[in-house]
């Protein structure tokens, strides 16, 4: 049975690596494998059809999503209000409504794919060597994204921005996050096909070792977003996916697989939620002036060392 020490450690790993572009699923496989001993059973549980460990992960996902919702609460209030206006008026009246629809259509590809393939892929690839290979690939994707990224366009020269209800660009920080009017209008200027394309990048994160936030950021960079805007769109886009993945499997947590670990789930979820909040707060500031390169190097190094370690085992 999962003990409290394991619950705290895995909760911390989940909260940090879900948002840092280094793959939470990959680390949840590799860390227990590196530690060895009694932790090895957690690796086996990753690929089991049903297990208390997977029920435990459900709670961590919900906690991570709630932390994201709280951090971006002001953004989500505006987006949901915009979607409500759009439905009532049967048009897209402003940038908040447009951003809302971009998030909706960007979520559809990974939502549909995850329903069908998430469990088979986890069962097949949630093994140390496979996770190490995909983590190395993740590092390569991040480096390629930095090399191939398009330079962001200036707001003033973007005709899509001008089309949104004449909202003035303000630089006052929004409550609960660092969003500004200019940030939201820049994201809202994405085309619908671009939002779908960025959303499709999330599908790669179904493989243990590929980072959801990392590949989604790369998708944004390739479509001309700045690092800051790409990170923000990635976090907003990931929130409903992470939350839905947790809620979808809540019956596992409430059923036989969750029996006897509710205390561990609570403790691990608190740790994961706190770590996720600190992580997103750090990353939204980090990407105002820095790139994905350090994370790419980390993934390449850890992936390569892990391939040697588990490939020779």
C-alpha atoms as a PDB file:
ATOM      1  CA  UNK A   1       0.000   0.000   0.000  1.00  0.00           C
ATOM      2  CA  UNK A   2       1.157   3.537  -0.762  1.00  0.00           C
ATOM      3  CA  UNK A   3       2.675   5.106   2.358  1.00  0.00           C
ATOM      4  CA  UNK A   4       2.699   8.767   3.393  1.00  0.00           C
ATOM      5  CA  UNK A   5       6.347   9.370   2.473  1.00  0.00           C
ATOM      6  CA  UNK A   6       5.694   8.121  -1.052  1.00  0.00           C
ATOM      7  CA  UNK A   7       2.513  10.207  -1.229  1.00  0.00           C
ATOM      8  CA  UNK A   8       4.387  13.396  -0.315  1.00  0.00           C
ATOM      9  CA  UNK A   9       7.293  12.767  -2.697  1.00  0.00           C
ATOM     10  CA  UNK A  10       5.086  11.801  -5.651  1.00  0.00           C
ATOM     11  CA  UNK A  11       2.759  14.741  -4.902  1.00  0.00           C
ATOM     12  CA  UNK A  12       5.708  17.128  -5.002  1.00  0.00           C
ATOM     13  CA  UNK A  13       6.992  15.607  -8.247  1.00  0.00           C
ATOM     14  CA  UNK A  14       3.530  15.830  -9.834  1.00  0.00           C
ATOM     15  CA  UNK A  15       2.963  19.442  -8.801  1.00  0.00           C
ATOM     16  CA  UNK A  16       6.297  20.601 -10.197  1.00  0.00           C
ATOM     17  CA  UNK A  17       6.760  18.461 -13.295  1.00  0.00           C
ATOM     18  CA  UNK A  18       3.178  18.804 -14.566  1.00  0.00           C
ATOM     19  CA  UNK A  19       3.873  22.488 -15.266  1.00  0.00           C
ATOM     20  CA  UNK A  20       7.632  22.569 -15.812  1.00  0.00           C
ATOM     21  CA  UNK A  21       8.288  21.335 -19.377  1.00  0.00           C
ATOM     22  CA  UNK A  22       9.952  18.118 -18.200  1.00  0.00           C
ATOM     23  CA  UNK A  23       7.043  15.598 -18.097  1.00  0.00           C
ATOM     24  CA  UNK A  24       5.215  14.612 -14.925  1.00  0.00           C
ATOM     25  CA  UNK A  25       4.356  11.139 -16.226  1.00  0.00           C
ATOM     26  CA  UNK A  26       7.957  10.509 -17.232  1.00  0.00           C
ATOM     27  CA  UNK A  27       9.243  11.522 -13.812  1.00  0.00           C
ATOM     28  CA  UNK A  28       6.605   9.466 -12.010  1.00  0.00           C
ATOM     29  CA  UNK A  29       8.089   6.461 -13.814  1.00  0.00           C
ATOM     30  CA  UNK A  30      11.789   7.332 -13.681  1.00  0.00           C
ATOM     31  CA  UNK A  31      12.094   8.599 -10.100  1.00  0.00           C
ATOM     32  CA  UNK A  32      10.806   5.378  -8.452  1.00  0.00           C
ATOM     33  CA  UNK A  33      12.914   3.345 -10.892  1.00  0.00           C
ATOM     34  CA  UNK A  34      16.058   5.273  -9.926  1.00  0.00           C
ATOM     35  CA  UNK A  35      15.305   5.050  -6.206  1.00  0.00           C
ATOM     36  CA  UNK A  36      14.724   1.308  -6.449  1.00  0.00           C
ATOM     37  CA  UNK A  37      13.856  -0.937  -3.555  1.00  0.00           C
ATOM     38  CA  UNK A  38      10.230  -0.818  -2.461  1.00  0.00           C
ATOM     39  CA  UNK A  39       9.649   2.127  -4.828  1.00  0.00           C
ATOM     40  CA  UNK A  40       9.959  -0.223  -7.802  1.00  0.00           C
ATOM     41  CA  UNK A  41       6.389  -1.398  -7.295  1.00  0.00           C
ATOM     42  CA  UNK A  42       5.174   2.107  -8.206  1.00  0.00           C
ATOM     43  CA  UNK A  43       6.717   1.642 -11.650  1.00  0.00           C
ATOM     44  CA  UNK A  44       4.868  -1.654 -12.063  1.00  0.00           C
ATOM     45  CA  UNK A  45       1.635  -0.015 -10.888  1.00  0.00           C
ATOM     46  CA  UNK A  46       1.966   2.639 -13.627  1.00  0.00           C
ATOM     47  CA  UNK A  47       1.345   0.028 -16.304  1.00  0.00           C
ATOM     48  CA  UNK A  48      -1.184  -2.092 -14.406  1.00  0.00           C
ATOM     49  CA  UNK A  49      -4.770  -2.025 -15.720  1.00  0.00           C
ATOM     50  CA  UNK A  50      -6.069  -1.039 -12.274  1.00  0.00           C
ATOM     51  CA  UNK A  51      -4.123  -0.113  -9.138  1.00  0.00           C
ATOM     52  CA  UNK A  52      -4.338   2.023  -5.982  1.00  0.00           C
ATOM     53  CA  UNK A  53      -1.427   4.077  -7.342  1.00  0.00           C
ATOM     54  CA  UNK A  54      -3.409   5.180 -10.403  1.00  0.00           C
ATOM     55  CA  UNK A  55      -6.327   6.056  -8.126  1.00  0.00           C
ATOM     56  CA  UNK A  56      -3.891   8.166  -6.091  1.00  0.00           C
ATOM     57  CA  UNK A  57      -2.739   9.975  -9.259  1.00  0.00           C
ATOM     58  CA  UNK A  58      -6.365  11.016  -9.854  1.00  0.00           C
ATOM     59  CA  UNK A  59      -6.328  13.119  -6.698  1.00  0.00           C
ATOM     60  CA  UNK A  60      -3.027  14.742  -7.701  1.00  0.00           C
ATOM     61  CA  UNK A  61      -4.396  15.737 -11.107  1.00  0.00           C
ATOM     62  CA  UNK A  62      -7.460  17.355  -9.584  1.00  0.00           C
ATOM     63  CA  UNK A  63      -5.297  19.250  -7.068  1.00  0.00           C
ATOM     64  CA  UNK A  64      -2.971  20.488  -9.834  1.00  0.00           C
ATOM     65  CA  UNK A  65      -5.914  21.678 -11.924  1.00  0.00           C
ATOM     66  CA  UNK A  66      -7.449  23.487  -8.940  1.00  0.00           C
ATOM     67  CA  UNK A  67      -4.136  25.283  -8.327  1.00  0.00           C
ATOM     68  CA  UNK A  68      -4.103  26.429 -11.955  1.00  0.00           C
ATOM     69  CA  UNK A  69      -7.724  27.527 -11.762  1.00  0.00           C
ATOM     70  CA  UNK A  70      -6.999  29.579  -8.655  1.00  0.00           C
ATOM     71  CA  UNK A  71      -3.888  31.232 -10.100  1.00  0.00           C
ATOM     72  CA  UNK A  72      -5.644  32.157 -13.343  1.00  0.00           C
ATOM     73  CA  UNK A  73      -9.028  32.767 -11.672  1.00  0.00           C
ATOM     74  CA  UNK A  74      -9.365  36.307 -13.040  1.00  0.00           C
ATOM     75  CA  UNK A  75      -8.610  35.077 -16.564  1.00  0.00           C
ATOM     76  CA  UNK A  76     -11.154  32.272 -16.299  1.00  0.00           C
ATOM     77  CA  UNK A  77     -13.858  34.588 -14.968  1.00  0.00           C
ATOM     78  CA  UNK A  78     -13.380  36.837 -18.009  1.00  0.00           C
ATOM     79  CA  UNK A  79     -13.172  33.915 -20.435  1.00  0.00           C
ATOM     80  CA  UNK A  80     -16.335  32.244 -19.092  1.00  0.00           C
ATOM     81  CA  UNK A  81     -18.175  35.548 -19.103  1.00  0.00           C
ATOM     82  CA  UNK A  82     -17.038  36.085 -22.687  1.00  0.00           C
ATOM     83  CA  UNK A  83     -18.256  32.643 -23.723  1.00  0.00           C
ATOM     84  CA  UNK A  84     -21.599  33.374 -22.083  1.00  0.00           C
ATOM     85  CA  UNK A  85     -21.924  36.615 -24.048  1.00  0.00           C
ATOM     86  CA  UNK A  86     -20.954  34.814 -27.229  1.00  0.00           C
ATOM     87  CA  UNK A  87     -23.603  32.127 -26.769  1.00  0.00           C
ATOM     88  CA  UNK A  88     -26.301  34.704 -25.988  1.00  0.00           C
ATOM     89  CA  UNK A  89     -25.404  36.985 -28.899  1.00  0.00           C
ATOM     90  CA  UNK A  90     -24.513  34.147 -31.305  1.00  0.00           C
ATOM     91  CA  UNK A  91     -21.306  35.880 -32.306  1.00  0.00           C
ATOM     92  CA  UNK A  92     -17.818  36.523 -30.897  1.00  0.00           C
ATOM     93  CA  UNK A  93     -18.171  40.014 -29.400  1.00  0.00           C
ATOM     94  CA  UNK A  94     -14.733  40.577 -27.854  1.00  0.00           C
ATOM     95  CA  UNK A  95     -11.255  39.181 -27.180  1.00  0.00           C
ATOM     96  CA  UNK A  96     -12.302  37.343 -24.011  1.00  0.00           C
ATOM     97  CA  UNK A  97     -14.997  35.445 -25.898  1.00  0.00           C
ATOM     98  CA  UNK A  98     -12.595  34.648 -28.727  1.00  0.00           C
ATOM     99  CA  UNK A  99      -9.952  33.382 -26.302  1.00  0.00           C
ATOM    100  CA  UNK A 100     -12.608  31.185 -24.721  1.00  0.00           C
ATOM    101  CA  UNK A 101     -13.503  29.578 -28.040  1.00  0.00           C
ATOM    102  CA  UNK A 102      -9.817  29.120 -28.859  1.00  0.00           C
ATOM    103  CA  UNK A 103      -9.412  27.196 -25.599  1.00  0.00           C
ATOM    104  CA  UNK A 104     -12.507  25.096 -26.336  1.00  0.00           C
ATOM    105  CA  UNK A 105     -11.417  24.027 -29.809  1.00  0.00           C
ATOM    106  CA  UNK A 106      -7.801  23.619 -28.686  1.00  0.00           C
ATOM    107  CA  UNK A 107      -8.905  21.132 -26.027  1.00  0.00           C
ATOM    108  CA  UNK A 108     -10.965  18.917 -28.331  1.00  0.00           C
ATOM    109  CA  UNK A 109      -8.103  16.988 -30.059  1.00  0.00           C
ATOM    110  CA  UNK A 110      -6.383  15.766 -26.893  1.00  0.00           C
ATOM    111  CA  UNK A 111      -9.732  15.228 -25.154  1.00  0.00           C
ATOM    112  CA  UNK A 112     -10.969  12.828 -27.807  1.00  0.00           C
ATOM    113  CA  UNK A 113      -7.599  11.118 -28.215  1.00  0.00           C
ATOM    114  CA  UNK A 114      -7.112  10.743 -24.464  1.00  0.00           C
ATOM    115  CA  UNK A 115     -10.474   9.046 -23.996  1.00  0.00           C
ATOM    116  CA  UNK A 116      -9.472   6.323 -26.442  1.00  0.00           C
ATOM    117  CA  UNK A 117      -5.715   5.960 -26.076  1.00  0.00           C
ATOM    118  CA  UNK A 118      -4.605   7.305 -22.661  1.00  0.00           C
ATOM    119  CA  UNK A 119      -4.888   4.022 -20.791  1.00  0.00           C
ATOM    120  CA  UNK A 120      -3.435   1.769 -23.550  1.00  0.00           C
ATOM    121  CA  UNK A 121      -0.469   4.130 -23.977  1.00  0.00           C
ATOM    122  CA  UNK A 122       0.135   4.287 -20.235  1.00  0.00           C
ATOM    123  CA  UNK A 123      -0.020   0.500 -19.988  1.00  0.00           C
ATOM    124  CA  UNK A 124       2.348   0.044 -22.929  1.00  0.00           C
ATOM    125  CA  UNK A 125       4.920   2.806 -22.410  1.00  0.00           C
ATOM    126  CA  UNK A 126       4.968   3.598 -18.665  1.00  0.00           C
ATOM    127  CA  UNK A 127       8.242   1.723 -18.232  1.00  0.00           C
ATOM    128  CA  UNK A 128      11.646   3.182 -17.293  1.00  0.00           C
ATOM    129  CA  UNK A 129      13.420   2.629 -20.615  1.00  0.00           C
ATOM    130  CA  UNK A 130      10.494   3.895 -22.687  1.00  0.00           C
ATOM    131  CA  UNK A 131      10.101   6.935 -20.421  1.00  0.00           C
ATOM    132  CA  UNK A 132      13.832   7.668 -20.746  1.00  0.00           C
ATOM    133  CA  UNK A 133      13.650   7.521 -24.544  1.00  0.00           C
ATOM    134  CA  UNK A 134      10.622   9.824 -24.688  1.00  0.00           C
ATOM    135  CA  UNK A 135      12.189  12.232 -22.186  1.00  0.00           C
ATOM    136  CA  UNK A 136      15.206  12.503 -24.482  1.00  0.00           C
ATOM    137  CA  UNK A 137      12.860  13.123 -27.408  1.00  0.00           C
ATOM    138  CA  UNK A 138      11.136  15.795 -25.309  1.00  0.00           C
ATOM    139  CA  UNK A 139      14.466  17.579 -24.877  1.00  0.00           C
ATOM    140  CA  UNK A 140      15.006  17.467 -28.622  1.00  0.00           C
ATOM    141  CA  UNK A 141      11.532  18.903 -29.255  1.00  0.00           C
ATOM    142  CA  UNK A 142      12.195  21.805 -26.887  1.00  0.00           C
ATOM    143  CA  UNK A 143      15.532  22.592 -28.561  1.00  0.00           C
ATOM    144  CA  UNK A 144      13.989  22.345 -32.029  1.00  0.00           C
ATOM    145  CA  UNK A 145      11.170  24.660 -30.973  1.00  0.00           C
ATOM    146  CA  UNK A 146      13.654  27.280 -29.833  1.00  0.00           C
ATOM    147  CA  UNK A 147      15.614  26.984 -33.067  1.00  0.00           C
ATOM    148  CA  UNK A 148      12.607  27.080 -35.394  1.00  0.00           C
ATOM    149  CA  UNK A 149      10.344  29.495 -33.518  1.00  0.00           C
ATOM    150  CA  UNK A 150       8.848  32.454 -35.312  1.00  0.00           C
ATOM    151  CA  UNK A 151       9.509  35.862 -33.841  1.00  0.00           C
ATOM    152  CA  UNK A 152       6.420  37.310 -32.137  1.00  0.00           C
ATOM    153  CA  UNK A 153       4.630  40.069 -34.001  1.00  0.00           C
ATOM    154  CA  UNK A 154       4.182  43.479 -32.419  1.00  0.00           C
ATOM    155  CA  UNK A 155       0.620  44.057 -31.153  1.00  0.00           C
ATOM    156  CA  UNK A 156       0.284  47.226 -33.070  1.00  0.00           C
ATOM    157  CA  UNK A 157       0.921  45.520 -36.382  1.00  0.00           C
ATOM    158  CA  UNK A 158      -1.489  42.654 -35.849  1.00  0.00           C
ATOM    159  CA  UNK A 159      -4.786  43.294 -37.659  1.00  0.00           C
ATOM    160  CA  UNK A 160      -6.544  40.592 -35.653  1.00  0.00           C
ATOM    161  CA  UNK A 161      -5.965  42.580 -32.492  1.00  0.00           C
ATOM    162  CA  UNK A 162      -7.469  45.691 -33.928  1.00  0.00           C
ATOM    163  CA  UNK A 163     -10.590  43.739 -34.808  1.00  0.00           C
ATOM    164  CA  UNK A 164     -11.475  43.129 -31.169  1.00  0.00           C
ATOM    165  CA  UNK A 165     -13.908  45.768 -29.938  1.00  0.00           C
ATOM    166  CA  UNK A 166     -11.379  48.583 -29.597  1.00  0.00           C
ATOM    167  CA  UNK A 167     -10.228  47.538 -26.131  1.00  0.00           C
ATOM    168  CA  UNK A 168      -7.330  49.703 -24.980  1.00  0.00           C
ATOM    169  CA  UNK A 169      -4.059  47.951 -24.212  1.00  0.00           C
ATOM    170  CA  UNK A 170      -3.432  48.185 -20.476  1.00  0.00           C
ATOM    171  CA  UNK A 171      -0.423  46.998 -18.541  1.00  0.00           C
ATOM    172  CA  UNK A 172      -2.040  46.802 -15.115  1.00  0.00           C
ATOM    173  CA  UNK A 173      -1.655  43.347 -13.595  1.00  0.00           C
ATOM    174  CA  UNK A 174      -4.886  41.398 -13.296  1.00  0.00           C
ATOM    175  CA  UNK A 175      -6.046  40.033  -9.948  1.00  0.00           C
ATOM    176  CA  UNK A 176      -4.792  36.507  -9.284  1.00  0.00           C
ATOM    177  CA  UNK A 177      -2.242  36.384 -12.114  1.00  0.00           C
ATOM    178  CA  UNK A 178       0.010  38.589 -14.184  1.00  0.00           C
ATOM    179  CA  UNK A 179      -2.335  38.811 -17.182  1.00  0.00           C
ATOM    180  CA  UNK A 180      -2.783  42.145 -18.918  1.00  0.00           C
ATOM    181  CA  UNK A 181      -5.264  43.355 -21.510  1.00  0.00           C
ATOM    182  CA  UNK A 182      -2.490  43.215 -24.106  1.00  0.00           C
ATOM    183  CA  UNK A 183      -1.662  39.609 -23.143  1.00  0.00           C
ATOM    184  CA  UNK A 184      -5.261  38.498 -23.625  1.00  0.00           C
ATOM    185  CA  UNK A 185      -5.651  40.295 -26.916  1.00  0.00           C
ATOM    186  CA  UNK A 186      -2.410  38.810 -28.230  1.00  0.00           C
ATOM    187  CA  UNK A 187      -3.613  35.288 -27.431  1.00  0.00           C
ATOM    188  CA  UNK A 188      -7.069  36.013 -28.807  1.00  0.00           C
ATOM    189  CA  UNK A 189      -5.464  37.020 -32.110  1.00  0.00           C
ATOM    190  CA  UNK A 190      -4.503  33.404 -32.791  1.00  0.00           C
ATOM    191  CA  UNK A 191      -6.369  31.865 -35.682  1.00  0.00           C
ATOM    192  CA  UNK A 192      -8.729  28.960 -35.029  1.00  0.00           C
ATOM    193  CA  UNK A 193      -6.527  26.526 -37.023  1.00  0.00           C
ATOM    194  CA  UNK A 194      -3.515  27.644 -34.967  1.00  0.00           C
ATOM    195  CA  UNK A 195      -5.392  26.913 -31.727  1.00  0.00           C
ATOM    196  CA  UNK A 196      -6.308  23.445 -32.995  1.00  0.00           C
ATOM    197  CA  UNK A 197      -2.700  22.875 -34.047  1.00  0.00           C
ATOM    198  CA  UNK A 198      -1.350  23.913 -30.648  1.00  0.00           C
ATOM    199  CA  UNK A 199      -3.971  21.735 -28.970  1.00  0.00           C
ATOM    200  CA  UNK A 200      -2.879  18.751 -31.069  1.00  0.00           C
ATOM    201  CA  UNK A 201       0.625  19.089 -29.644  1.00  0.00           C
ATOM    202  CA  UNK A 202      -0.830  18.020 -26.281  1.00  0.00           C
ATOM    203  CA  UNK A 203      -1.535  14.565 -27.701  1.00  0.00           C
ATOM    204  CA  UNK A 204       2.193  13.812 -27.588  1.00  0.00           C
ATOM    205  CA  UNK A 205       2.063  14.144 -23.783  1.00  0.00           C
ATOM    206  CA  UNK A 206       0.101  10.878 -23.600  1.00  0.00           C
ATOM    207  CA  UNK A 207       3.523   9.231 -23.919  1.00  0.00           C
ATOM    208  CA  UNK A 208       5.432   9.032 -20.625  1.00  0.00           C
ATOM    209  CA  UNK A 209       8.384  11.414 -21.003  1.00  0.00           C
ATOM    210  CA  UNK A 210       6.777  14.007 -23.290  1.00  0.00           C
ATOM    211  CA  UNK A 211       5.798  17.188 -21.458  1.00  0.00           C
ATOM    212  CA  UNK A 212       2.325  18.626 -22.022  1.00  0.00           C
ATOM    213  CA  UNK A 213       3.374  22.180 -21.189  1.00  0.00           C
ATOM    214  CA  UNK A 214       6.629  21.836 -23.143  1.00  0.00           C
ATOM    215  CA  UNK A 215       5.223  20.620 -26.440  1.00  0.00           C
ATOM    216  CA  UNK A 216       2.270  23.014 -26.211  1.00  0.00           C
ATOM    217  CA  UNK A 217       4.670  25.914 -25.696  1.00  0.00           C
ATOM    218  CA  UNK A 218       6.653  24.770 -28.724  1.00  0.00           C
ATOM    219  CA  UNK A 219       3.428  24.769 -30.731  1.00  0.00           C
ATOM    220  CA  UNK A 220       2.778  28.347 -29.628  1.00  0.00           C
ATOM    221  CA  UNK A 221       6.337  29.456 -30.438  1.00  0.00           C
ATOM    222  CA  UNK A 222       6.083  27.971 -33.924  1.00  0.00           C
ATOM    223  CA  UNK A 223       2.966  30.083 -34.488  1.00  0.00           C
ATOM    224  CA  UNK A 224       4.619  33.321 -33.458  1.00  0.00           C
ATOM    225  CA  UNK A 225       3.720  33.648 -29.788  1.00  0.00           C
ATOM    226  CA  UNK A 226       6.301  34.995 -27.368  1.00  0.00           C
ATOM    227  CA  UNK A 227       7.582  32.678 -24.638  1.00  0.00           C
ATOM    228  CA  UNK A 228       5.369  34.472 -22.113  1.00  0.00           C
ATOM    229  CA  UNK A 229       2.216  34.167 -24.214  1.00  0.00           C
ATOM    230  CA  UNK A 230       3.024  30.587 -25.238  1.00  0.00           C
ATOM    231  CA  UNK A 231       3.405  29.619 -21.571  1.00  0.00           C
ATOM    232  CA  UNK A 232       0.166  31.352 -20.584  1.00  0.00           C
ATOM    233  CA  UNK A 233      -1.799  29.711 -23.394  1.00  0.00           C
ATOM    234  CA  UNK A 234      -0.238  26.360 -22.490  1.00  0.00           C
ATOM    235  CA  UNK A 235      -1.319  26.646 -18.845  1.00  0.00           C
ATOM    236  CA  UNK A 236      -4.824  27.816 -19.737  1.00  0.00           C
ATOM    237  CA  UNK A 237      -5.193  25.041 -22.311  1.00  0.00           C
ATOM    238  CA  UNK A 238      -3.909  22.390 -19.917  1.00  0.00           C
ATOM    239  CA  UNK A 239      -6.243  23.288 -17.049  1.00  0.00           C
ATOM    240  CA  UNK A 240      -9.482  21.713 -18.371  1.00  0.00           C
ATOM    241  CA  UNK A 241      -7.558  18.692 -19.698  1.00  0.00           C
ATOM    242  CA  UNK A 242      -5.857  17.961 -16.370  1.00  0.00           C
ATOM    243  CA  UNK A 243      -9.065  18.590 -14.441  1.00  0.00           C
ATOM    244  CA  UNK A 244     -11.167  16.409 -16.755  1.00  0.00           C
ATOM    245  CA  UNK A 245      -8.596  13.589 -16.612  1.00  0.00           C
ATOM    246  CA  UNK A 246      -8.877  13.603 -12.824  1.00  0.00           C
ATOM    247  CA  UNK A 247     -12.657  13.895 -12.606  1.00  0.00           C
ATOM    248  CA  UNK A 248     -13.139  11.209 -15.268  1.00  0.00           C
ATOM    249  CA  UNK A 249     -11.360   8.685 -13.031  1.00  0.00           C
ATOM    250  CA  UNK A 250     -12.810   9.769  -9.691  1.00  0.00           C
ATOM    251  CA  UNK A 251     -14.838   6.505  -9.561  1.00  0.00           C
ATOM    252  CA  UNK A 252     -11.481   4.667  -9.363  1.00  0.00           C
ATOM    253  CA  UNK A 253     -10.580   6.720  -6.306  1.00  0.00           C
ATOM    254  CA  UNK A 254     -13.973   6.135  -4.676  1.00  0.00           C
ATOM    255  CA  UNK A 255     -14.034   2.454  -5.573  1.00  0.00           C
ATOM    256  CA  UNK A 256     -12.011  -0.553  -4.391  1.00  0.00           C
ATOM    257  CA  UNK A 257      -8.731   0.831  -5.741  1.00  0.00           C
ATOM    258  CA  UNK A 258      -8.967   3.839  -3.441  1.00  0.00           C
ATOM    259  CA  UNK A 259      -9.779   1.864  -0.330  1.00  0.00           C
ATOM    260  CA  UNK A 260      -7.255   2.448   2.449  1.00  0.00           C
ATOM    261  CA  UNK A 261      -5.374   5.325   0.779  1.00  0.00           C
ATOM    262  CA  UNK A 262      -7.749   8.274   1.216  1.00  0.00           C
ATOM    263  CA  UNK A 263      -5.433   9.839   3.803  1.00  0.00           C
ATOM    264  CA  UNK A 264      -2.449   9.481   1.477  1.00  0.00           C
ATOM    265  CA  UNK A 265      -4.487  10.963  -1.378  1.00  0.00           C
ATOM    266  CA  UNK A 266      -5.391  13.990   0.756  1.00  0.00           C
ATOM    267  CA  UNK A 267      -1.798  14.620   1.858  1.00  0.00           C
ATOM    268  CA  UNK A 268      -0.360  14.056  -1.612  1.00  0.00           C
ATOM    269  CA  UNK A 269      -2.986  16.317  -3.195  1.00  0.00           C
ATOM    270  CA  UNK A 270      -2.254  19.163  -0.779  1.00  0.00           C
ATOM    271  CA  UNK A 271       1.459  18.887  -1.598  1.00  0.00           C
ATOM    272  CA  UNK A 272       0.776  18.662  -5.340  1.00  0.00           C
ATOM    273  CA  UNK A 273      -1.578  21.660  -5.291  1.00  0.00           C
ATOM    274  CA  UNK A 274       0.877  23.826  -3.349  1.00  0.00           C
ATOM    275  CA  UNK A 275       3.789  22.795  -5.584  1.00  0.00           C
ATOM    276  CA  UNK A 276       1.745  23.480  -8.722  1.00  0.00           C
ATOM    277  CA  UNK A 277       0.800  26.965  -7.516  1.00  0.00           C
ATOM    278  CA  UNK A 278       4.417  27.868  -6.710  1.00  0.00           C
ATOM    279  CA  UNK A 279       5.526  26.395 -10.047  1.00  0.00           C
ATOM    280  CA  UNK A 280       3.076  28.321 -12.206  1.00  0.00           C
ATOM    281  CA  UNK A 281       3.843  31.520 -10.312  1.00  0.00           C
ATOM    282  CA  UNK A 282       7.552  31.016 -10.986  1.00  0.00           C
ATOM    283  CA  UNK A 283       7.159  29.984 -14.627  1.00  0.00           C
ATOM    284  CA  UNK A 284       4.890  32.866 -15.646  1.00  0.00           C
ATOM    285  CA  UNK A 285       7.663  35.191 -14.480  1.00  0.00           C
ATOM    286  CA  UNK A 286      10.518  33.069 -15.815  1.00  0.00           C
ATOM    287  CA  UNK A 287       9.201  33.048 -19.380  1.00  0.00           C
ATOM    288  CA  UNK A 288       8.941  36.826 -19.546  1.00  0.00           C
ATOM    289  CA  UNK A 289      12.673  36.893 -20.326  1.00  0.00           C
ATOM    290  CA  UNK A 290      13.964  33.309 -20.623  1.00  0.00           C
ATOM    291  CA  UNK A 291      13.651  30.295 -22.900  1.00  0.00           C
ATOM    292  CA  UNK A 292      13.050  26.535 -22.915  1.00  0.00           C
ATOM    293  CA  UNK A 293      16.723  25.734 -23.472  1.00  0.00           C
ATOM    294  CA  UNK A 294      17.688  24.896 -19.836  1.00  0.00           C
ATOM    295  CA  UNK A 295      14.771  22.463 -19.601  1.00  0.00           C
ATOM    296  CA  UNK A 296      15.758  20.897 -22.918  1.00  0.00           C
ATOM    297  CA  UNK A 297      19.298  20.287 -21.684  1.00  0.00           C
ATOM    298  CA  UNK A 298      17.982  18.769 -18.442  1.00  0.00           C
ATOM    299  CA  UNK A 299      15.701  16.368 -20.347  1.00  0.00           C
ATOM    300  CA  UNK A 300      18.465  15.348 -22.752  1.00  0.00           C
ATOM    301  CA  UNK A 301      20.918  14.648 -19.931  1.00  0.00           C
ATOM    302  CA  UNK A 302      18.495  12.792 -17.653  1.00  0.00           C
ATOM    303  CA  UNK A 303      17.035  10.904 -20.598  1.00  0.00           C
ATOM    304  CA  UNK A 304      20.436   9.827 -21.905  1.00  0.00           C
ATOM    305  CA  UNK A 305      21.691   8.709 -18.487  1.00  0.00           C
ATOM    306  CA  UNK A 306      18.437   6.830 -17.864  1.00  0.00           C
ATOM    307  CA  UNK A 307      18.661   5.084 -21.233  1.00  0.00           C
ATOM    308  CA  UNK A 308      22.114   3.816 -20.282  1.00  0.00           C
ATOM    309  CA  UNK A 309      20.932   2.839 -16.806  1.00  0.00           C
ATOM    310  CA  UNK A 310      17.760   0.993 -17.744  1.00  0.00           C
ATOM    311  CA  UNK A 311      18.819  -0.129 -21.214  1.00  0.00           C
ATOM    312  CA  UNK A 312      21.616  -2.186 -19.676  1.00  0.00           C
ATOM    313  CA  UNK A 313      19.510  -3.478 -16.786  1.00  0.00           C
END
